[in-house]
PDB file of N, CA and C in Angstrom:
ATOM      1  N   UNK A   1       2.731 -12.407 -10.569  1.00  0.00           N
ATOM      2  CA  UNK A   1       2.742 -13.475  -9.361  1.00  0.00           C
ATOM      3  C   UNK A   1       0.902 -12.672  -8.701  1.00  0.00           C
ATOM      4  N   UNK A   2      -0.057 -13.812  -8.465  1.00  0.00           N
ATOM      5  CA  UNK A   2      -1.176 -13.504  -7.983  1.00  0.00           C
ATOM      6  C   UNK A   2      -1.198 -13.685  -6.631  1.00  0.00           C
ATOM      7  N   UNK A   3      -2.163 -12.801  -6.087  1.00  0.00           N
ATOM      8  CA  UNK A   3      -2.069 -12.981  -4.944  1.00  0.00           C
ATOM      9  C   UNK A   3      -3.390 -13.472  -4.051  1.00  0.00           C
ATOM     10  N   UNK A   4      -3.164 -14.405  -2.715  1.00  0.00           N
ATOM     11  CA  UNK A   4      -4.271 -14.942  -2.819  1.00  0.00           C
ATOM     12  C   UNK A   4      -5.168 -14.170  -1.814  1.00  0.00           C
ATOM     13  N   UNK A   5      -7.101 -14.508  -1.787  1.00  0.00           N
ATOM     14  CA  UNK A   5      -7.143 -13.559  -0.776  1.00  0.00           C
ATOM     15  C   UNK A   5      -6.928 -13.052   0.632  1.00  0.00           C
ATOM     16  N   UNK A   6      -6.368 -13.977   1.120  1.00  0.00           N
ATOM     17  CA  UNK A   6      -6.255 -13.496   2.632  1.00  0.00           C
ATOM     18  C   UNK A   6      -4.607 -12.862   2.667  1.00  0.00           C
ATOM     19  N   UNK A   7      -4.238 -12.367   1.453  1.00  0.00           N
ATOM     20  CA  UNK A   7      -3.123 -11.487   1.390  1.00  0.00           C
ATOM     21  C   UNK A   7      -3.362 -10.561   1.239  1.00  0.00           C
ATOM     22  N   UNK A   8      -5.009  -9.854   0.436  1.00  0.00           N
ATOM     23  CA  UNK A   8      -5.228  -8.416   0.262  1.00  0.00           C
ATOM     24  C   UNK A   8      -5.929  -8.421   2.027  1.00  0.00           C
ATOM     25  N   UNK A   9      -4.801  -6.758   2.550  1.00  0.00           N
ATOM     26  CA  UNK A   9      -5.299  -6.409   4.105  1.00  0.00           C
ATOM     27  C   UNK A   9      -6.028  -4.953   3.742  1.00  0.00           C
ATOM     28  N   UNK A  10      -6.279  -4.199   4.040  1.00  0.00           N
ATOM     29  CA  UNK A  10      -7.045  -2.864   4.541  1.00  0.00           C
ATOM     30  C   UNK A  10      -5.426  -1.830   5.052  1.00  0.00           C
ATOM     31  N   UNK A  11      -5.244  -0.807   4.448  1.00  0.00           N
ATOM     32  CA  UNK A  11      -4.383  -0.220   5.280  1.00  0.00           C
ATOM     33  C   UNK A  11      -2.990  -0.681   4.075  1.00  0.00           C
ATOM     34  N   UNK A  12      -2.448  -1.546   3.320  1.00  0.00           N
ATOM     35  CA  UNK A  12      -1.515  -1.902   2.736  1.00  0.00           C
ATOM     36  C   UNK A  12      -1.193  -1.464   1.012  1.00  0.00           C
ATOM     37  N   UNK A  13      -0.241  -1.405   0.588  1.00  0.00           N
ATOM     38  CA  UNK A  13       0.164  -0.707  -0.679  1.00  0.00           C
ATOM     39  C   UNK A  13       0.481  -1.637  -1.181  1.00  0.00           C
ATOM     40  N   UNK A  14      -0.106  -1.900  -3.122  1.00  0.00           N
ATOM     41  CA  UNK A  14       0.681  -3.629  -3.653  1.00  0.00           C
ATOM     42  C   UNK A  14       0.946  -2.368  -4.759  1.00  0.00           C
ATOM     43  N   UNK A  15       1.959  -2.940  -5.910  1.00  0.00           N
ATOM     44  CA  UNK A  15       1.993  -2.605  -6.983  1.00  0.00           C
ATOM     45  C   UNK A  15       2.112  -3.679  -7.963  1.00  0.00           C
ATOM     46  N   UNK A  16       0.758  -3.580  -9.179  1.00  0.00           N
ATOM     47  CA  UNK A  16       0.854  -4.521 -10.970  1.00  0.00           C
ATOM     48  C   UNK A  16       2.132  -4.277 -11.060  1.00  0.00           C
ATOM     49  N   UNK A  17       1.975  -5.236 -11.710  1.00  0.00           N
ATOM     50  CA  UNK A  17       3.365  -5.525 -13.175  1.00  0.00           C
ATOM     51  C   UNK A  17       2.838  -4.292 -13.912  1.00  0.00           C
ATOM     52  N   UNK A  18       2.001  -3.922 -13.806  1.00  0.00           N
ATOM     53  CA  UNK A  18       1.961  -2.487 -15.330  1.00  0.00           C
ATOM     54  C   UNK A  18       2.149  -1.717 -14.362  1.00  0.00           C
ATOM     55  N   UNK A  19       2.716  -1.422 -12.869  1.00  0.00           N
ATOM     56  CA  UNK A  19       3.988  -0.381 -12.675  1.00  0.00           C
ATOM     57  C   UNK A  19       2.090   0.577 -12.020  1.00  0.00           C
ATOM     58  N   UNK A  20       1.427   0.246 -11.947  1.00  0.00           N
ATOM     59  CA  UNK A  20       0.101   0.687 -11.031  1.00  0.00           C
ATOM     60  C   UNK A  20       0.290   0.661  -9.274  1.00  0.00           C
ATOM     61  N   UNK A  21       0.072   1.603  -8.807  1.00  0.00           N
ATOM     62  CA  UNK A  21       0.000   1.273  -6.748  1.00  0.00           C
ATOM     63  C   UNK A  21      -1.566   0.881  -6.403  1.00  0.00           C
ATOM     64  N   UNK A  22      -1.901   0.506  -5.868  1.00  0.00           N
ATOM     65  CA  UNK A  22      -2.746  -0.119  -5.401  1.00  0.00           C
ATOM     66  C   UNK A  22      -3.398   0.141  -3.962  1.00  0.00           C
ATOM     67  N   UNK A  23      -3.744   1.281  -2.901  1.00  0.00           N
ATOM     68  CA  UNK A  23      -3.654   0.725  -1.363  1.00  0.00           C
ATOM     69  C   UNK A  23      -5.634   0.585  -1.618  1.00  0.00           C
ATOM     70  N   UNK A  24      -4.896  -0.377  -1.123  1.00  0.00           N
ATOM     71  CA  UNK A  24      -6.412  -0.779   0.185  1.00  0.00           C
ATOM     72  C   UNK A  24      -7.039   0.012   1.072  1.00  0.00           C
ATOM     73  N   UNK A  25      -7.991   0.429   1.240  1.00  0.00           N
ATOM     74  CA  UNK A  25      -8.272   1.190   2.361  1.00  0.00           C
ATOM     75  C   UNK A  25      -9.359   1.249   3.248  1.00  0.00           C
ATOM     76  N   UNK A  26     -10.591  -0.216   2.459  1.00  0.00           N
ATOM     77  CA  UNK A  26     -11.313  -0.533   3.441  1.00  0.00           C
ATOM     78  C   UNK A  26     -11.518  -1.908   2.715  1.00  0.00           C
ATOM     79  N   UNK A  27     -11.995  -3.072   4.287  1.00  0.00           N
ATOM     80  CA  UNK A  27     -12.579  -4.512   3.273  1.00  0.00           C
ATOM     81  C   UNK A  27     -13.587  -4.683   4.258  1.00  0.00           C
ATOM     82  N   UNK A  28     -14.669  -5.457   3.824  1.00  0.00           N
ATOM     83  CA  UNK A  28     -16.052  -5.360   4.605  1.00  0.00           C
ATOM     84  C   UNK A  28     -16.198  -6.551   4.212  1.00  0.00           C
ATOM     85  N   UNK A  29     -16.128  -7.704   4.007  1.00  0.00           N
ATOM     86  CA  UNK A  29     -16.924  -8.866   3.563  1.00  0.00           C
ATOM     87  C   UNK A  29     -16.296  -9.432   2.389  1.00  0.00           C
ATOM     88  N   UNK A  30     -16.947  -9.716   1.632  1.00  0.00           N
ATOM     89  CA  UNK A  30     -15.793  -9.929  -0.132  1.00  0.00           C
ATOM     90  C   UNK A  30     -15.562  -8.782  -0.959  1.00  0.00           C
ATOM     91  N   UNK A  31     -16.150  -7.052  -0.179  1.00  0.00           N
ATOM     92  CA  UNK A  31     -15.685  -6.290  -1.065  1.00  0.00           C
ATOM     93  C   UNK A  31     -14.921  -5.664  -0.441  1.00  0.00           C
ATOM     94  N   UNK A  32     -14.172  -4.790  -1.583  1.00  0.00           N
ATOM     95  CA  UNK A  32     -12.711  -3.902  -0.861  1.00  0.00           C
ATOM     96  C   UNK A  32     -13.352  -2.682  -1.293  1.00  0.00           C
ATOM     97  N   UNK A  33     -12.535  -1.639  -0.983  1.00  0.00           N
ATOM     98  CA  UNK A  33     -11.981  -0.058  -1.533  1.00  0.00           C
ATOM     99  C   UNK A  33     -10.930   0.180  -2.098  1.00  0.00           C
ATOM    100  N   UNK A  34     -10.429   0.648  -2.728  1.00  0.00           N
ATOM    101  CA  UNK A  34      -9.244   0.865  -2.916  1.00  0.00           C
ATOM    102  C   UNK A  34      -8.785   1.977  -3.959  1.00  0.00           C
ATOM    103  N   UNK A  35      -7.479   2.632  -3.656  1.00  0.00           N
ATOM    104  CA  UNK A  35      -7.341   3.637  -4.494  1.00  0.00           C
ATOM    105  C   UNK A  35      -5.973   3.465  -5.434  1.00  0.00           C
ATOM    106  N   UNK A  36      -6.174   3.609  -7.037  1.00  0.00           N
ATOM    107  CA  UNK A  36      -5.450   3.065  -7.858  1.00  0.00           C
ATOM    108  C   UNK A  36      -4.776   4.423  -8.285  1.00  0.00           C
ATOM    109  N   UNK A  37      -2.959   4.074  -8.819  1.00  0.00           N
ATOM    110  CA  UNK A  37      -2.460   4.980  -9.697  1.00  0.00           C
ATOM    111  C   UNK A  37      -2.903   4.947 -10.900  1.00  0.00           C
ATOM    112  N   UNK A  38      -2.531   5.896 -12.003  1.00  0.00           N
ATOM    113  CA  UNK A  38      -2.381   5.701 -13.239  1.00  0.00           C
ATOM    114  C   UNK A  38      -1.141   4.709 -13.693  1.00  0.00           C
ATOM    115  N   UNK A  39      -1.429   3.455 -14.775  1.00  0.00           N
ATOM    116  CA  UNK A  39      -0.338   2.964 -14.833  1.00  0.00           C
ATOM    117  C   UNK A  39       0.836   3.502 -15.340  1.00  0.00           C
ATOM    118  N   UNK A  40       2.282   2.359 -15.570  1.00  0.00           N
ATOM    119  CA  UNK A  40       3.629   3.381 -15.740  1.00  0.00           C
ATOM    120  C   UNK A  40       3.877   4.046 -14.865  1.00  0.00           C
ATOM    121  N   UNK A  41       3.763   4.397 -13.292  1.00  0.00           N
ATOM    122  CA  UNK A  41       4.492   4.598 -12.461  1.00  0.00           C
ATOM    123  C   UNK A  41       5.416   4.646 -12.545  1.00  0.00           C
ATOM    124  N   UNK A  42       6.731   5.624 -11.908  1.00  0.00           N
ATOM    125  CA  UNK A  42       7.657   5.673 -11.303  1.00  0.00           C
ATOM    126  C   UNK A  42       7.666   4.973  -9.999  1.00  0.00           C
ATOM    127  N   UNK A  43       8.777   4.243  -9.720  1.00  0.00           N
ATOM    128  CA  UNK A  43       9.012   3.695  -8.484  1.00  0.00           C
ATOM    129  C   UNK A  43       8.963   4.836  -7.150  1.00  0.00           C
ATOM    130  N   UNK A  44       8.129   4.787  -6.441  1.00  0.00           N
ATOM    131  CA  UNK A  44       8.131   5.062  -5.354  1.00  0.00           C
ATOM    132  C   UNK A  44       9.675   5.372  -4.508  1.00  0.00           C
ATOM    133  N   UNK A  45      10.320   6.250  -4.237  1.00  0.00           N
ATOM    134  CA  UNK A  45      11.398   5.852  -3.733  1.00  0.00           C
ATOM    135  C   UNK A  45      11.574   7.339  -2.026  1.00  0.00           C
ATOM    136  N   UNK A  46      12.584   6.213  -1.435  1.00  0.00           N
ATOM    137  CA  UNK A  46      13.129   6.983   0.189  1.00  0.00           C
ATOM    138  C   UNK A  46      12.158   7.065   0.855  1.00  0.00           C
ATOM    139  N   UNK A  47      11.816   8.087   1.111  1.00  0.00           N
ATOM    140  CA  UNK A  47      11.356   8.230   2.321  1.00  0.00           C
ATOM    141  C   UNK A  47       9.544   8.686   1.593  1.00  0.00           C
ATOM    142  N   UNK A  48       8.814   7.835   1.402  1.00  0.00           N
ATOM    143  CA  UNK A  48       7.600   8.614   0.348  1.00  0.00           C
ATOM    144  C   UNK A  48       7.105   9.687   1.201  1.00  0.00           C
ATOM    145  N   UNK A  49       7.016  10.692   0.432  1.00  0.00           N
ATOM    146  CA  UNK A  49       5.978  11.475   1.456  1.00  0.00           C
ATOM    147  C   UNK A  49       4.717  12.322   0.388  1.00  0.00           C
ATOM    148  N   UNK A  50       4.631  11.820  -0.966  1.00  0.00           N
ATOM    149  CA  UNK A  50       3.298  11.916  -1.528  1.00  0.00           C
ATOM    150  C   UNK A  50       3.103  10.513  -2.303  1.00  0.00           C
ATOM    151  N   UNK A  51       2.047   9.929  -1.745  1.00  0.00           N
ATOM    152  CA  UNK A  51       1.437   8.993  -2.430  1.00  0.00           C
ATOM    153  C   UNK A  51       0.610   9.247  -3.760  1.00  0.00           C
ATOM    154  N   UNK A  52       0.324   8.414  -5.140  1.00  0.00           N
ATOM    155  CA  UNK A  52       0.464   8.504  -6.355  1.00  0.00           C
ATOM    156  C   UNK A  52      -1.083   8.634  -6.645  1.00  0.00           C
ATOM    157  N   UNK A  53      -2.040   9.376  -5.579  1.00  0.00           N
ATOM    158  CA  UNK A  53      -3.655   8.625  -5.800  1.00  0.00           C
ATOM    159  C   UNK A  53      -4.349  10.276  -6.142  1.00  0.00           C
ATOM    160  N   UNK A  54      -3.699  11.334  -6.294  1.00  0.00           N
ATOM    161  CA  UNK A  54      -4.000  12.725  -6.681  1.00  0.00           C
ATOM    162  C   UNK A  54      -4.993  12.638  -7.208  1.00  0.00           C
ATOM    163  N   UNK A  55      -6.552  12.657  -7.167  1.00  0.00           N
ATOM    164  CA  UNK A  55      -7.164  12.873  -8.282  1.00  0.00           C
ATOM    165  C   UNK A  55      -7.736  11.876  -9.160  1.00  0.00           C
ATOM    166  N   UNK A  56      -7.492  10.527  -8.538  1.00  0.00           N
ATOM    167  CA  UNK A  56      -7.978   9.137  -9.257  1.00  0.00           C
ATOM    168  C   UNK A  56      -8.805   8.969  -8.338  1.00  0.00           C
ATOM    169  N   UNK A  57     -10.036   8.378  -9.359  1.00  0.00           N
ATOM    170  CA  UNK A  57     -11.282   7.976  -7.941  1.00  0.00           C
ATOM    171  C   UNK A  57     -10.925   6.569  -8.056  1.00  0.00           C
ATOM    172  N   UNK A  58     -11.555   6.493  -6.531  1.00  0.00           N
ATOM    173  CA  UNK A  58     -11.607   5.324  -5.690  1.00  0.00           C
ATOM    174  C   UNK A  58     -11.963   3.990  -6.552  1.00  0.00           C
ATOM    175  N   UNK A  59     -12.259   2.604  -6.888  1.00  0.00           N
ATOM    176  CA  UNK A  59     -12.733   1.865  -7.161  1.00  0.00           C
ATOM    177  C   UNK A  59     -13.474   0.802  -6.065  1.00  0.00           C
ATOM    178  N   UNK A  60     -14.621   0.489  -5.857  1.00  0.00           N
ATOM    179  CA  UNK A  60     -15.110  -0.647  -5.363  1.00  0.00           C
ATOM    180  C   UNK A  60     -14.968  -1.975  -6.104  1.00  0.00           C
ATOM    181  N   UNK A  61     -14.459  -3.069  -6.161  1.00  0.00           N
ATOM    182  CA  UNK A  61     -14.484  -4.220  -6.184  1.00  0.00           C
ATOM    183  C   UNK A  61     -14.314  -5.652  -5.173  1.00  0.00           C
ATOM    184  N   UNK A  62     -14.710  -6.621  -5.744  1.00  0.00           N
ATOM    185  CA  UNK A  62     -14.645  -8.193  -4.778  1.00  0.00           C
ATOM    186  C   UNK A  62     -13.028  -8.205  -4.754  1.00  0.00           C
ATOM    187  N   UNK A  63     -12.923  -9.016  -3.219  1.00  0.00           N
ATOM    188  CA  UNK A  63     -11.605  -9.377  -2.948  1.00  0.00           C
ATOM    189  C   UNK A  63     -10.873 -10.120  -4.288  1.00  0.00           C
ATOM    190  N   UNK A  64     -11.729 -11.150  -4.933  1.00  0.00           N
ATOM    191  CA  UNK A  64     -11.431 -12.002  -5.790  1.00  0.00           C
ATOM    192  C   UNK A  64     -10.939 -11.044  -6.382  1.00  0.00           C
ATOM    193  N   UNK A  65     -11.393 -10.710  -7.069  1.00  0.00           N
ATOM    194  CA  UNK A  65     -10.857  -9.577  -8.285  1.00  0.00           C
ATOM    195  C   UNK A  65      -9.653  -9.063  -8.410  1.00  0.00           C
ATOM    196  N   UNK A  66     -10.100  -8.522  -6.796  1.00  0.00           N
ATOM    197  CA  UNK A  66      -8.691  -7.185  -6.847  1.00  0.00           C
ATOM    198  C   UNK A  66      -7.129  -8.596  -6.970  1.00  0.00           C
ATOM    199  N   UNK A  67      -7.474  -9.812  -5.853  1.00  0.00           N
ATOM    200  CA  UNK A  67      -6.412 -10.424  -6.141  1.00  0.00           C
ATOM    201  C   UNK A  67      -5.607 -11.215  -6.935  1.00  0.00           C
ATOM    202  N   UNK A  68      -6.409 -10.708  -8.208  1.00  0.00           N
ATOM    203  CA  UNK A  68      -6.005 -12.244  -9.845  1.00  0.00           C
ATOM    204  C   UNK A  68      -5.389 -11.324 -10.702  1.00  0.00           C
ATOM    205  N   UNK A  69      -5.407  -9.644 -10.154  1.00  0.00           N
ATOM    206  CA  UNK A  69      -4.474  -9.033 -11.107  1.00  0.00           C
ATOM    207  C   UNK A  69      -3.071  -9.452 -11.049  1.00  0.00           C
ATOM    208  N   UNK A  70      -2.163  -9.101 -11.763  1.00  0.00           N
ATOM    209  CA  UNK A  70      -0.639  -9.776 -11.496  1.00  0.00           C
ATOM    210  C   UNK A  70       0.054  -8.358 -10.651  1.00  0.00           C
ATOM    211  N   UNK A  71       0.264  -8.585  -9.677  1.00  0.00           N
ATOM    212  CA  UNK A  71       1.467  -8.116  -9.086  1.00  0.00           C
ATOM    213  C   UNK A  71       3.049  -7.921  -8.675  1.00  0.00           C
ATOM    214  N   UNK A  72       3.522  -7.598  -8.180  1.00  0.00           N
ATOM    215  CA  UNK A  72       4.628  -7.539  -8.319  1.00  0.00           C
ATOM    216  C   UNK A  72       6.291  -7.055  -6.777  1.00  0.00           C
ATOM    217  N   UNK A  73       6.775  -7.612  -6.701  1.00  0.00           N
ATOM    218  CA  UNK A  73       7.352  -7.552  -5.593  1.00  0.00           C
ATOM    219  C   UNK A  73       7.788  -5.695  -5.844  1.00  0.00           C
ATOM    220  N   UNK A  74       7.895  -5.054  -4.432  1.00  0.00           N
ATOM    221  CA  UNK A  74       8.811  -3.696  -4.805  1.00  0.00           C
ATOM    222  C   UNK A  74       9.139  -3.539  -3.389  1.00  0.00           C
ATOM    223  N   UNK A  75       9.943  -2.171  -3.936  1.00  0.00           N
ATOM    224  CA  UNK A  75      10.688  -1.664  -3.096  1.00  0.00           C
ATOM    225  C   UNK A  75       9.923  -0.522  -2.424  1.00  0.00           C
ATOM    226  N   UNK A  76       9.859   0.348  -1.000  1.00  0.00           N
ATOM    227  CA  UNK A  76       9.089   0.886  -0.543  1.00  0.00           C
ATOM    228  C   UNK A  76       9.637   1.133   0.845  1.00  0.00           C
ATOM    229  N   UNK A  77      10.212   2.296   1.123  1.00  0.00           N
ATOM    230  CA  UNK A  77      10.775   2.747   2.011  1.00  0.00           C
ATOM    231  C   UNK A  77      11.836   1.772   2.419  1.00  0.00           C
ATOM    232  N   UNK A  78      12.751   0.835   1.925  1.00  0.00           N
ATOM    233  CA  UNK A  78      13.801   0.616   2.145  1.00  0.00           C
ATOM    234  C   UNK A  78      13.431  -1.021   2.506  1.00  0.00           C
ATOM    235  N   UNK A  79      12.226  -1.352   1.746  1.00  0.00           N
ATOM    236  CA  UNK A  79      11.813  -2.904   2.040  1.00  0.00           C
ATOM    237  C   UNK A  79      11.516  -3.275   0.944  1.00  0.00           C
ATOM    238  N   UNK A  80      12.072  -4.745   0.916  1.00  0.00           N
ATOM    239  CA  UNK A  80      11.271  -5.410  -1.021  1.00  0.00           C
ATOM    240  C   UNK A  80       9.948  -6.441  -0.325  1.00  0.00           C
ATOM    241  N   UNK A  81       8.881  -6.162  -1.321  1.00  0.00           N
ATOM    242  CA  UNK A  81       7.919  -7.192  -0.341  1.00  0.00           C
ATOM    243  C   UNK A  81       6.860  -7.120  -1.501  1.00  0.00           C
ATOM    244  N   UNK A  82       5.866  -7.885  -1.378  1.00  0.00           N
ATOM    245  CA  UNK A  82       4.672  -7.742  -2.168  1.00  0.00           C
ATOM    246  C   UNK A  82       3.829  -6.707  -1.741  1.00  0.00           C
ATOM    247  N   UNK A  83       3.731  -6.722  -0.610  1.00  0.00           N
ATOM    248  CA  UNK A  83       2.845  -5.453   0.070  1.00  0.00           C
ATOM    249  C   UNK A  83       3.858  -4.629   0.871  1.00  0.00           C
ATOM    250  N   UNK A  84       3.346  -3.356   1.455  1.00  0.00           N
ATOM    251  CA  UNK A  84       3.965  -2.952   2.111  1.00  0.00           C
ATOM    252  C   UNK A  84       2.607  -2.124   3.312  1.00  0.00           C
ATOM    253  N   UNK A  85       2.998  -1.569   4.538  1.00  0.00           N
ATOM    254  CA  UNK A  85       1.581  -1.261   5.429  1.00  0.00           C
ATOM    255  C   UNK A  85       1.930   0.372   5.220  1.00  0.00           C
ATOM    256  N   UNK A  86       1.130   1.186   5.264  1.00  0.00           N
ATOM    257  CA  UNK A  86       0.868   2.642   4.672  1.00  0.00           C
ATOM    258  C   UNK A  86       0.748   2.732   6.768  1.00  0.00           C
ATOM    259  N   UNK A  87       1.443   3.678   6.797  1.00  0.00           N
ATOM    260  CA  UNK A  87       1.115   4.317   8.490  1.00  0.00           C
ATOM    261  C   UNK A  87      -0.234   5.343   8.373  1.00  0.00           C
ATOM    262  N   UNK A  88      -0.477   5.815   9.280  1.00  0.00           N
ATOM    263  CA  UNK A  88      -1.740   6.328   9.839  1.00  0.00           C
ATOM    264  C   UNK A  88      -1.604   7.353   8.533  1.00  0.00           C
ATOM    265  N   UNK A  89      -0.815   8.044   8.567  1.00  0.00           N
ATOM    266  CA  UNK A  89      -0.989   9.706   7.994  1.00  0.00           C
ATOM    267  C   UNK A  89      -1.025   9.351   6.015  1.00  0.00           C
ATOM    268  N   UNK A  90      -0.142   8.375   5.822  1.00  0.00           N
ATOM    269  CA  UNK A  90      -0.474   7.938   4.460  1.00  0.00           C
ATOM    270  C   UNK A  90      -1.814   7.040   4.183  1.00  0.00           C
ATOM    271  N   UNK A  91      -2.016   7.003   5.443  1.00  0.00           N
ATOM    272  CA  UNK A  91      -3.482   5.949   4.597  1.00  0.00           C
ATOM    273  C   UNK A  91      -4.140   6.974   3.996  1.00  0.00           C
ATOM    274  N   UNK A  92      -4.257   8.037   5.714  1.00  0.00           N
ATOM    275  CA  UNK A  92      -5.645   9.437   5.369  1.00  0.00           C
ATOM    276  C   UNK A  92      -5.028   9.580   4.151  1.00  0.00           C
ATOM    277  N   UNK A  93      -4.031  10.314   3.901  1.00  0.00           N
ATOM    278  CA  UNK A  93      -3.450  10.866   2.596  1.00  0.00           C
ATOM    279  C   UNK A  93      -4.216   9.727   0.968  1.00  0.00           C
ATOM    280  N   UNK A  94      -3.782   8.718   0.974  1.00  0.00           N
ATOM    281  CA  UNK A  94      -4.294   8.146   0.067  1.00  0.00           C
ATOM    282  C   UNK A  94      -6.477   8.233  -0.197  1.00  0.00           C
ATOM    283  N   UNK A  95      -6.820   7.889   1.332  1.00  0.00           N
ATOM    284  CA  UNK A  95      -8.314   8.235   1.145  1.00  0.00           C
ATOM    285  C   UNK A  95      -8.693   9.737   0.653  1.00  0.00           C
ATOM    286  N   UNK A  96      -7.719  10.807   0.976  1.00  0.00           N
ATOM    287  CA  UNK A  96      -8.099  12.443   0.716  1.00  0.00           C
ATOM    288  C   UNK A  96      -8.027  12.557  -0.844  1.00  0.00           C
ATOM    289  N   UNK A  97      -6.969  11.944  -0.979  1.00  0.00           N
ATOM    290  CA  UNK A  97      -6.663  12.135  -2.546  1.00  0.00           C
ATOM    291  C   UNK A  97      -7.978  11.549  -3.498  1.00  0.00           C
ATOM    292  N   UNK A  98      -8.157  10.262  -3.174  1.00  0.00           N
ATOM    293  CA  UNK A  98      -9.142  10.008  -4.178  1.00  0.00           C
ATOM    294  C   UNK A  98     -10.485   9.928  -3.657  1.00  0.00           C
ATOM    295  N   UNK A  99     -10.469  10.785  -2.283  1.00  0.00           N
ATOM    296  CA  UNK A  99     -12.095  11.472  -2.269  1.00  0.00           C
ATOM    297  C   UNK A  99     -13.326   9.770  -1.712  1.00  0.00           C
ATOM    298  N   UNK A 100     -12.548   8.878  -0.750  1.00  0.00           N
ATOM    299  CA  UNK A 100     -13.205   8.196  -0.515  1.00  0.00           C
ATOM    300  C   UNK A 100     -13.834   7.924   0.351  1.00  0.00           C
ATOM    301  N   UNK A 101     -13.670   8.795   0.978  1.00  0.00           N
ATOM    302  CA  UNK A 101     -14.188   9.084   3.050  1.00  0.00           C
ATOM    303  C   UNK A 101     -15.792   7.990   2.992  1.00  0.00           C
ATOM    304  N   UNK A 102     -16.693   8.829   1.628  1.00  0.00           N
ATOM    305  CA  UNK A 102     -17.887   8.576   2.554  1.00  0.00           C
ATOM    306  C   UNK A 102     -18.496   7.285   1.486  1.00  0.00           C
ATOM    307  N   UNK A 103     -17.721   6.962   0.903  1.00  0.00           N
ATOM    308  CA  UNK A 103     -17.922   5.495   0.143  1.00  0.00           C
ATOM    309  C   UNK A 103     -17.525   4.294   0.940  1.00  0.00           C
ATOM    310  N   UNK A 104     -16.004   4.777   1.914  1.00  0.00           N
ATOM    311  CA  UNK A 104     -15.872   3.961   2.953  1.00  0.00           C
ATOM    312  C   UNK A 104     -16.750   3.356   4.177  1.00  0.00           C
ATOM    313  N   UNK A 105     -17.152   4.401   4.499  1.00  0.00           N
ATOM    314  CA  UNK A 105     -18.525   4.768   5.538  1.00  0.00           C
ATOM    315  C   UNK A 105     -19.722   3.412   5.112  1.00  0.00           C
ATOM    316  N   UNK A 106     -20.038   4.082   3.939  1.00  0.00           N
ATOM    317  CA  UNK A 106     -21.189   3.001   3.262  1.00  0.00           C
ATOM    318  C   UNK A 106     -20.730   1.855   3.011  1.00  0.00           C
ATOM    319  N   UNK A 107     -19.914   1.267   2.984  1.00  0.00           N
ATOM    320  CA  UNK A 107     -18.685   0.037   3.084  1.00  0.00           C
ATOM    321  C   UNK A 107     -18.829  -0.798   4.307  1.00  0.00           C
ATOM    322  N   UNK A 108     -17.974   0.226   5.171  1.00  0.00           N
ATOM    323  CA  UNK A 108     -18.455  -0.775   6.420  1.00  0.00           C
ATOM    324  C   UNK A 108     -19.566  -0.949   7.128  1.00  0.00           C
ATOM    325  N   UNK A 109     -20.432  -0.269   6.777  1.00  0.00           N
ATOM    326  CA  UNK A 109     -21.936  -0.205   6.933  1.00  0.00           C
ATOM    327  C   UNK A 109     -22.401  -1.124   6.627  1.00  0.00           C
ATOM    328  N   UNK A 110     -22.402  -1.806   5.259  1.00  0.00           N
ATOM    329  CA  UNK A 110     -23.274  -2.438   4.746  1.00  0.00           C
ATOM    330  C   UNK A 110     -22.981  -4.156   5.393  1.00  0.00           C
TER     331      UNK A 110
END
């Protein structure tokens, strides 16, 4: 399943058909920064306490490129959807895990 560009939002978690989680950390214009997990991740279970982005480098790409990947509906905190809203602490955790704070500031200033 492909996303439409308007379905891509900052602060949301997505899952690809290769079982890779992606958290969109920031959007500006046609570009975004996201945290990717490795592929083949186990499903996140229950009340997720630890996101799977530790030591994974953030990525910057065009929104259209991000949307063209194959995504899947997945369960997160008891809800099934194509994307799931991260709370503030989860979003901060994803930013810290992939060391994206300065890159986000640069993107938002562009």
